[in-house]
All heavy atoms as atom14 arrays in JSON, in Angstrom:
{
  "sequence": "VDSSAVYVNASTRFTDGGQFGLGAEVAVSTQKLH",
  "atom14_mask": [
    [1, 1, 1, 1, 1, 1, 1, 0, 0, 0, 0, 0, 0, 0],
    [1, 1, 1, 1, 1, 1, 1, 1, 0, 0, 0, 0, 0, 0],
    [1, 1, 1, 1, 1, 1, 0, 0, 0, 0, 0, 0, 0, 0],
    [1, 1, 1, 1, 1, 1, 0, 0, 0, 0, 0, 0, 0, 0],
    [1, 1, 1, 1, 1, 0, 0, 0, 0, 0, 0, 0, 0, 0],
    [1, 1, 1, 1, 1, 1, 1, 0, 0, 0, 0, 0, 0, 0],
    [1, 1, 1, 1, 1, 1, 1, 1, 1, 1, 1, 1, 0, 0],
    [1, 1, 1, 1, 1, 1, 1, 0, 0, 0, 0, 0, 0, 0],
    [1, 1, 1, 1, 1, 1, 1, 1, 0, 0, 0, 0, 0, 0],
    [1, 1, 1, 1, 1, 0, 0, 0, 0, 0, 0, 0, 0, 0],
    [1, 1, 1, 1, 1, 1, 0, 0, 0, 0, 0, 0, 0, 0],
    [1, 1, 1, 1, 1, 1, 1, 0, 0, 0, 0, 0, 0, 0],
    [1, 1, 1, 1, 1, 1, 1, 1, 1, 1, 1, 0, 0, 0],
    [1, 1, 1, 1, 1, 1, 1, 1, 1, 1, 1, 0, 0, 0],
    [1, 1, 1, 1, 1, 1, 1, 0, 0, 0, 0, 0, 0, 0],
    [1, 1, 1, 1, 1, 1, 1, 1, 0, 0, 0, 0, 0, 0],
    [1, 1, 1, 1, 0, 0, 0, 0, 0, 0, 0, 0, 0, 0],
    [1, 1, 1, 1, 0, 0, 0, 0, 0, 0, 0, 0, 0, 0],
    [1, 1, 1, 1, 1, 1, 1, 1, 1, 0, 0, 0, 0, 0],
    [1, 1, 1, 1, 1, 1, 1, 1, 1, 1, 1, 0, 0, 0],
    [1, 1, 1, 1, 0, 0, 0, 0, 0, 0, 0, 0, 0, 0],
    [1, 1, 1, 1, 1, 1, 1, 1, 0, 0, 0, 0, 0, 0],
    [1, 1, 1, 1, 0, 0, 0, 0, 0, 0, 0, 0, 0, 0],
    [1, 1, 1, 1, 1, 0, 0, 0, 0, 0, 0, 0, 0, 0],
    [1, 1, 1, 1, 1, 1, 1, 1, 1, 0, 0, 0, 0, 0],
    [1, 1, 1, 1, 1, 1, 1, 0, 0, 0, 0, 0, 0, 0],
    [1, 1, 1, 1, 1, 0, 0, 0, 0, 0, 0, 0, 0, 0],
    [1, 1, 1, 1, 1, 1, 1, 0, 0, 0, 0, 0, 0, 0],
    [1, 1, 1, 1, 1, 1, 0, 0, 0, 0, 0, 0, 0, 0],
    [1, 1, 1, 1, 1, 1, 1, 0, 0, 0, 0, 0, 0, 0],
    [1, 1, 1, 1, 1, 1, 1, 1, 1, 0, 0, 0, 0, 0],
    [1, 1, 1, 1, 1, 1, 1, 1, 1, 0, 0, 0, 0, 0],
    [1, 1, 1, 1, 1, 1, 1, 1, 0, 0, 0, 0, 0, 0],
    [1, 1, 1, 1, 1, 1, 1, 1, 1, 1, 0, 0, 0, 0]
  ],
  "atom14_positions": [
    [[0.85, -1.19, 0.0], [0.0, 0.0, 0.0], [0.88, 1.24, 0.0], [1.66, 1.48, 0.93], [-0.95, 0.0, 1.21], [-1.71, 1.32, 1.3], [-1.93, -1.17, 1.1], [0.0, 0.0, 0.0], [0.0, 0.0, 0.0], [0.0, 0.0, 0.0], [0.0, 0.0, 0.0], [0.0, 0.0, 0.0], [0.0, 0.0, 0.0], [0.0, 0.0, 0.0]],
    [[0.75, 2.05, -1.05], [1.64, 3.19, -1.26], [1.02, 4.47, -0.72], [0.73, 5.42, -1.46], [1.93, 3.32, -2.76], [3.0, 4.35, -3.05], [3.8, 4.65, -2.14], [3.03, 4.88, -4.18], [0.0, 0.0, 0.0], [0.0, 0.0, 0.0], [0.0, 0.0, 0.0], [0.0, 0.0, 0.0], [0.0, 0.0, 0.0], [0.0, 0.0, 0.0]],
    [[0.79, 4.53, 0.59], [0.21, 5.71, 1.22], [1.23, 6.39, 2.11], [2.23, 5.78, 2.5], [-1.03, 5.32, 2.03], [-2.03, 4.8, 1.19], [0.0, 0.0, 0.0], [0.0, 0.0, 0.0], [0.0, 0.0, 0.0], [0.0, 0.0, 0.0], [0.0, 0.0, 0.0], [0.0, 0.0, 0.0], [0.0, 0.0, 0.0], [0.0, 0.0, 0.0]],
    [[0.96, 7.64, 2.45], [1.92, 8.38, 3.27], [1.98, 7.83, 4.69], [2.99, 7.98, 5.37], [1.58, 9.86, 3.28], [0.31, 10.09, 3.86], [0.0, 0.0, 0.0], [0.0, 0.0, 0.0], [0.0, 0.0, 0.0], [0.0, 0.0, 0.0], [0.0, 0.0, 0.0], [0.0, 0.0, 0.0], [0.0, 0.0, 0.0], [0.0, 0.0, 0.0]],
    [[0.89, 7.2, 5.14], [0.9, 6.54, 6.44], [0.13, 5.22, 6.32], [-1.01, 5.21, 5.82], [0.26, 7.41, 7.52], [0.0, 0.0, 0.0], [0.0, 0.0, 0.0], [0.0, 0.0, 0.0], [0.0, 0.0, 0.0], [0.0, 0.0, 0.0], [0.0, 0.0, 0.0], [0.0, 0.0, 0.0], [0.0, 0.0, 0.0], [0.0, 0.0, 0.0]],
    [[0.74, 4.14, 6.74], [0.1, 2.82, 6.69], [0.16, 2.23, 8.1], [1.2, 2.25, 8.76], [0.83, 1.88, 5.7], [0.11, 0.54, 5.62], [0.9, 2.51, 4.31], [0.0, 0.0, 0.0], [0.0, 0.0, 0.0], [0.0, 0.0, 0.0], [0.0, 0.0, 0.0], [0.0, 0.0, 0.0], [0.0, 0.0, 0.0], [0.0, 0.0, 0.0]],
    [[-0.98, 1.7, 8.56], [-1.1, 1.24, 9.94], [-1.4, -0.25, 10.02], [-2.13, -0.79, 9.18], [-2.21, 2.0, 10.66], [-1.95, 3.49, 10.78], [-2.48, 4.39, 9.85], [-1.16, 3.98, 11.81], [-2.22, 5.74, 9.95], [-0.9, 5.34, 11.92], [-1.43, 6.22, 10.99], [-1.17, 7.55, 11.08], [0.0, 0.0, 0.0], [0.0, 0.0, 0.0]],
    [[-0.87, -0.87, 11.05], [-1.19, -2.26, 11.38], [-1.85, -2.26, 12.76], [-1.25, -1.81, 13.75], [0.08, -3.14, 11.4], [-0.28, -4.57, 11.83], [0.75, -3.15, 10.04], [0.0, 0.0, 0.0], [0.0, 0.0, 0.0], [0.0, 0.0, 0.0], [0.0, 0.0, 0.0], [0.0, 0.0, 0.0], [0.0, 0.0, 0.0], [0.0, 0.0, 0.0]],
    [[-3.1, -2.69, 12.8], [-3.86, -2.77, 14.05], [-3.89, -1.44, 14.8], [-3.68, -1.37, 16.02], [-3.29, -3.88, 14.96], [-3.4, -5.25, 14.32], [-4.35, -5.52, 13.6], [-2.42, -6.1, 14.57], [0.0, 0.0, 0.0], [0.0, 0.0, 0.0], [0.0, 0.0, 0.0], [0.0, 0.0, 0.0], [0.0, 0.0, 0.0], [0.0, 0.0, 0.0]],
    [[-4.14, -0.38, 14.06], [-4.24, 0.96, 14.66], [-5.18, 1.82, 13.81], [-5.37, 1.58, 12.61], [-2.86, 1.61, 14.75], [0.0, 0.0, 0.0], [0.0, 0.0, 0.0], [0.0, 0.0, 0.0], [0.0, 0.0, 0.0], [0.0, 0.0, 0.0], [0.0, 0.0, 0.0], [0.0, 0.0, 0.0], [0.0, 0.0, 0.0], [0.0, 0.0, 0.0]],
    [[-5.75, 2.82, 14.45], [-6.69, 3.72, 13.8], [-5.98, 4.68, 12.84], [-4.87, 5.15, 13.13], [-7.43, 4.53, 14.87], [-8.14, 5.6, 14.32], [0.0, 0.0, 0.0], [0.0, 0.0, 0.0], [0.0, 0.0, 0.0], [0.0, 0.0, 0.0], [0.0, 0.0, 0.0], [0.0, 0.0, 0.0], [0.0, 0.0, 0.0], [0.0, 0.0, 0.0]],
    [[-6.63, 4.98, 11.73], [-6.08, 5.97, 10.78], [-6.05, 7.37, 11.38], [-5.37, 8.26, 10.86], [-6.91, 6.01, 9.49], [-8.29, 6.29, 9.81], [-6.82, 4.69, 8.74], [0.0, 0.0, 0.0], [0.0, 0.0, 0.0], [0.0, 0.0, 0.0], [0.0, 0.0, 0.0], [0.0, 0.0, 0.0], [0.0, 0.0, 0.0], [0.0, 0.0, 0.0]],
    [[-6.75, 7.58, 12.49], [-6.8, 8.9, 13.13], [-5.44, 9.35, 13.67], [-5.27, 10.51, 14.04], [-7.83, 8.89, 14.27], [-9.27, 8.9, 13.8], [-9.7, 10.29, 13.34], [-9.77, 11.21, 14.48], [-9.16, 12.38, 14.54], [-8.43, 12.81, 13.53], [-9.28, 13.14, 15.62], [0.0, 0.0, 0.0], [0.0, 0.0, 0.0], [0.0, 0.0, 0.0]],
    [[-4.45, 8.47, 13.67], [-3.14, 8.86, 14.2], [-2.33, 9.72, 13.23], [-1.3, 10.27, 13.62], [-2.32, 7.61, 14.57], [-2.71, 7.02, 15.9], [-3.53, 5.9, 15.96], [-2.27, 7.58, 17.08], [-3.9, 5.35, 17.18], [-2.64, 7.04, 18.31], [-3.45, 5.93, 18.36], [0.0, 0.0, 0.0], [0.0, 0.0, 0.0], [0.0, 0.0, 0.0]],
    [[-2.76, 9.84, 11.98], [-1.99, 10.65, 11.03], [-2.19, 12.12, 11.35], [-3.09, 12.8, 10.84], [-2.43, 10.36, 9.57], [-2.38, 8.96, 9.34], [-1.51, 11.06, 8.59], [0.0, 0.0, 0.0], [0.0, 0.0, 0.0], [0.0, 0.0, 0.0], [0.0, 0.0, 0.0], [0.0, 0.0, 0.0], [0.0, 0.0, 0.0], [0.0, 0.0, 0.0]],
    [[-1.33, 12.62, 12.21], [-1.47, 13.96, 12.76], [-0.12, 14.38, 13.33], [0.54, 13.59, 13.99], [-2.55, 13.93, 13.85], [-2.66, 15.23, 14.61], [-3.41, 16.11, 14.17], [-1.98, 15.37, 15.65], [0.0, 0.0, 0.0], [0.0, 0.0, 0.0], [0.0, 0.0, 0.0], [0.0, 0.0, 0.0], [0.0, 0.0, 0.0], [0.0, 0.0, 0.0]],
    [[0.27, 15.62, 13.06], [1.58, 16.08, 13.52], [1.75, 15.99, 15.02], [2.81, 15.61, 15.52], [0.0, 0.0, 0.0], [0.0, 0.0, 0.0], [0.0, 0.0, 0.0], [0.0, 0.0, 0.0], [0.0, 0.0, 0.0], [0.0, 0.0, 0.0], [0.0, 0.0, 0.0], [0.0, 0.0, 0.0], [0.0, 0.0, 0.0], [0.0, 0.0, 0.0]],
    [[0.69, 16.32, 15.77], [0.76, 16.23, 17.23], [0.95, 14.8, 17.69], [1.77, 14.5, 18.55], [0.0, 0.0, 0.0], [0.0, 0.0, 0.0], [0.0, 0.0, 0.0], [0.0, 0.0, 0.0], [0.0, 0.0, 0.0], [0.0, 0.0, 0.0], [0.0, 0.0, 0.0], [0.0, 0.0, 0.0], [0.0, 0.0, 0.0], [0.0, 0.0, 0.0]],
    [[0.16, 13.87, 17.1], [0.25, 12.46, 17.47], [1.61, 11.86, 17.09], [2.11, 10.96, 17.76], [-0.87, 11.66, 16.8], [-2.25, 12.03, 17.28], [-2.48, 11.63, 18.73], [-2.11, 10.55, 19.16], [-3.1, 12.53, 19.49], [0.0, 0.0, 0.0], [0.0, 0.0, 0.0], [0.0, 0.0, 0.0], [0.0, 0.0, 0.0], [0.0, 0.0, 0.0]],
    [[2.2, 12.36, 16.01], [3.5, 11.85, 15.56], [4.67, 12.48, 16.32], [5.83, 12.16, 16.05], [3.68, 12.1, 14.06], [3.0, 11.09, 13.16], [1.97, 10.3, 13.62], [3.39, 10.95, 11.84], [1.33, 9.38, 12.8], [2.76, 10.03, 11.0], [1.74, 9.24, 11.48], [0.0, 0.0, 0.0], [0.0, 0.0, 0.0], [0.0, 0.0, 0.0]],
    [[4.37, 13.4, 17.24], [5.42, 14.06, 18.0], [6.1, 15.19, 17.25], [7.2, 15.62, 17.61], [0.0, 0.0, 0.0], [0.0, 0.0, 0.0], [0.0, 0.0, 0.0], [0.0, 0.0, 0.0], [0.0, 0.0, 0.0], [0.0, 0.0, 0.0], [0.0, 0.0, 0.0], [0.0, 0.0, 0.0], [0.0, 0.0, 0.0], [0.0, 0.0, 0.0]],
    [[5.45, 15.69, 16.21], [6.02, 16.78, 15.41], [5.58, 18.15, 15.89], [6.02, 19.16, 15.36], [5.61, 16.62, 13.93], [5.9, 15.28, 13.26], [5.36, 15.27, 11.84], [7.4, 15.0, 13.26], [0.0, 0.0, 0.0], [0.0, 0.0, 0.0], [0.0, 0.0, 0.0], [0.0, 0.0, 0.0], [0.0, 0.0, 0.0], [0.0, 0.0, 0.0]],
    [[4.67, 18.2, 16.87], [4.03, 19.47, 17.23], [2.87, 19.68, 16.28], [2.39, 18.77, 15.62], [0.0, 0.0, 0.0], [0.0, 0.0, 0.0], [0.0, 0.0, 0.0], [0.0, 0.0, 0.0], [0.0, 0.0, 0.0], [0.0, 0.0, 0.0], [0.0, 0.0, 0.0], [0.0, 0.0, 0.0], [0.0, 0.0, 0.0], [0.0, 0.0, 0.0]],
    [[2.4, 20.9, 16.21], [1.31, 21.21, 15.27], [1.81, 21.02, 13.84], [2.94, 21.36, 13.52], [0.85, 22.66, 15.48], [0.0, 0.0, 0.0], [0.0, 0.0, 0.0], [0.0, 0.0, 0.0], [0.0, 0.0, 0.0], [0.0, 0.0, 0.0], [0.0, 0.0, 0.0], [0.0, 0.0, 0.0], [0.0, 0.0, 0.0], [0.0, 0.0, 0.0]],
    [[0.98, 20.44, 12.99], [1.4, 20.2, 11.61], [0.95, 21.33, 10.71], [-0.07, 21.98, 10.96], [0.82, 18.88, 11.11], [-0.68, 18.95, 10.87], [-1.32, 17.62, 10.59], [-0.76, 16.59, 10.98], [-2.42, 17.61, 10.0], [0.0, 0.0, 0.0], [0.0, 0.0, 0.0], [0.0, 0.0, 0.0], [0.0, 0.0, 0.0], [0.0, 0.0, 0.0]],
    [[1.71, 21.54, 9.64], [1.33, 22.57, 8.67], [0.4, 21.97, 7.61], [-0.41, 22.66, 7.01], [2.57, 23.22, 8.04], [3.31, 22.25, 7.15], [2.23, 24.47, 7.28], [0.0, 0.0, 0.0], [0.0, 0.0, 0.0], [0.0, 0.0, 0.0], [0.0, 0.0, 0.0], [0.0, 0.0, 0.0], [0.0, 0.0, 0.0], [0.0, 0.0, 0.0]],
    [[0.5, 20.67, 7.38], [-0.35, 19.98, 6.41], [0.0, 18.5, 6.45], [0.97, 18.09, 7.1], [-0.13, 20.53, 5.0], [0.0, 0.0, 0.0], [0.0, 0.0, 0.0], [0.0, 0.0, 0.0], [0.0, 0.0, 0.0], [0.0, 0.0, 0.0], [0.0, 0.0, 0.0], [0.0, 0.0, 0.0], [0.0, 0.0, 0.0], [0.0, 0.0, 0.0]],
    [[-0.79, 17.69, 5.75], [-0.44, 16.29, 5.5], [-0.19, 16.17, 4.0], [-1.1, 16.39, 3.19], [-1.56, 15.33, 5.93], [-1.21, 13.89, 5.54], [-1.8, 15.41, 7.43], [0.0, 0.0, 0.0], [0.0, 0.0, 0.0], [0.0, 0.0, 0.0], [0.0, 0.0, 0.0], [0.0, 0.0, 0.0], [0.0, 0.0, 0.0], [0.0, 0.0, 0.0]],
    [[1.03, 15.85, 3.64], [1.39, 15.72, 2.22], [1.17, 14.29, 1.76], [1.6, 13.35, 2.43], [2.85, 16.12, 2.02], [3.28, 15.75, 0.72], [0.0, 0.0, 0.0], [0.0, 0.0, 0.0], [0.0, 0.0, 0.0], [0.0, 0.0, 0.0], [0.0, 0.0, 0.0], [0.0, 0.0, 0.0], [0.0, 0.0, 0.0], [0.0, 0.0, 0.0]],
    [[0.52, 14.14, 0.61], [0.36, 12.8, 0.03], [1.23, 12.63, -1.21], [1.1, 11.64, -1.92], [-1.12, 12.53, -0.33], [-1.58, 13.57, -1.18], [-1.97, 12.49, 0.92], [0.0, 0.0, 0.0], [0.0, 0.0, 0.0], [0.0, 0.0, 0.0], [0.0, 0.0, 0.0], [0.0, 0.0, 0.0], [0.0, 0.0, 0.0], [0.0, 0.0, 0.0]],
    [[2.1, 13.6, -1.46], [3.03, 13.46, -2.57], [4.35, 12.9, -2.05], [4.5, 12.62, -0.87], [3.24, 14.79, -3.28], [3.87, 15.88, -2.42], [3.87, 17.22, -3.12], [2.88, 17.64, -3.71], [4.98, 17.92, -3.04], [0.0, 0.0, 0.0], [0.0, 0.0, 0.0], [0.0, 0.0, 0.0], [0.0, 0.0, 0.0], [0.0, 0.0, 0.0]],
    [[5.31, 12.72, -2.96], [6.53, 12.02, -2.56], [7.76, 12.91, -2.53], [8.76, 12.56, -1.9], [6.78, 10.84, -3.51], [5.67, 9.8, -3.44], [5.94, 8.63, -4.34], [4.8, 7.63, -4.28], [5.03, 6.45, -5.13], [0.0, 0.0, 0.0], [0.0, 0.0, 0.0], [0.0, 0.0, 0.0], [0.0, 0.0, 0.0], [0.0, 0.0, 0.0]],
    [[7.73, 14.04, -3.22], [8.89, 14.91, -3.24], [8.82, 15.93, -2.12], [7.75, 16.46, -1.79], [9.0, 15.61, -4.6], [9.3, 14.71, -5.79], [9.39, 15.52, -7.07], [10.59, 13.92, -5.58], [0.0, 0.0, 0.0], [0.0, 0.0, 0.0], [0.0, 0.0, 0.0], [0.0, 0.0, 0.0], [0.0, 0.0, 0.0], [0.0, 0.0, 0.0]],
    [[9.93, 16.24, -1.55], [10.16, 17.2, -0.46], [9.59, 16.72, 0.87], [10.32, 16.64, 1.85], [9.62, 18.6, -0.77], [9.9, 19.57, 0.34], [11.17, 20.01, 0.6], [9.11, 20.14, 1.28], [11.14, 20.82, 1.66], [9.91, 20.91, 2.09], [0.0, 0.0, 0.0], [0.0, 0.0, 0.0], [0.0, 0.0, 0.0], [0.0, 0.0, 0.0]]
  ]
}
């Protein structure tokens, strides 16, 4: 599965800068460059 976030036995709701420990996120990118 070629997605920006792929989960095993976890909710998709975790795709979030705060949840990932990044602080507030500026966006979620689904592209591959940068």
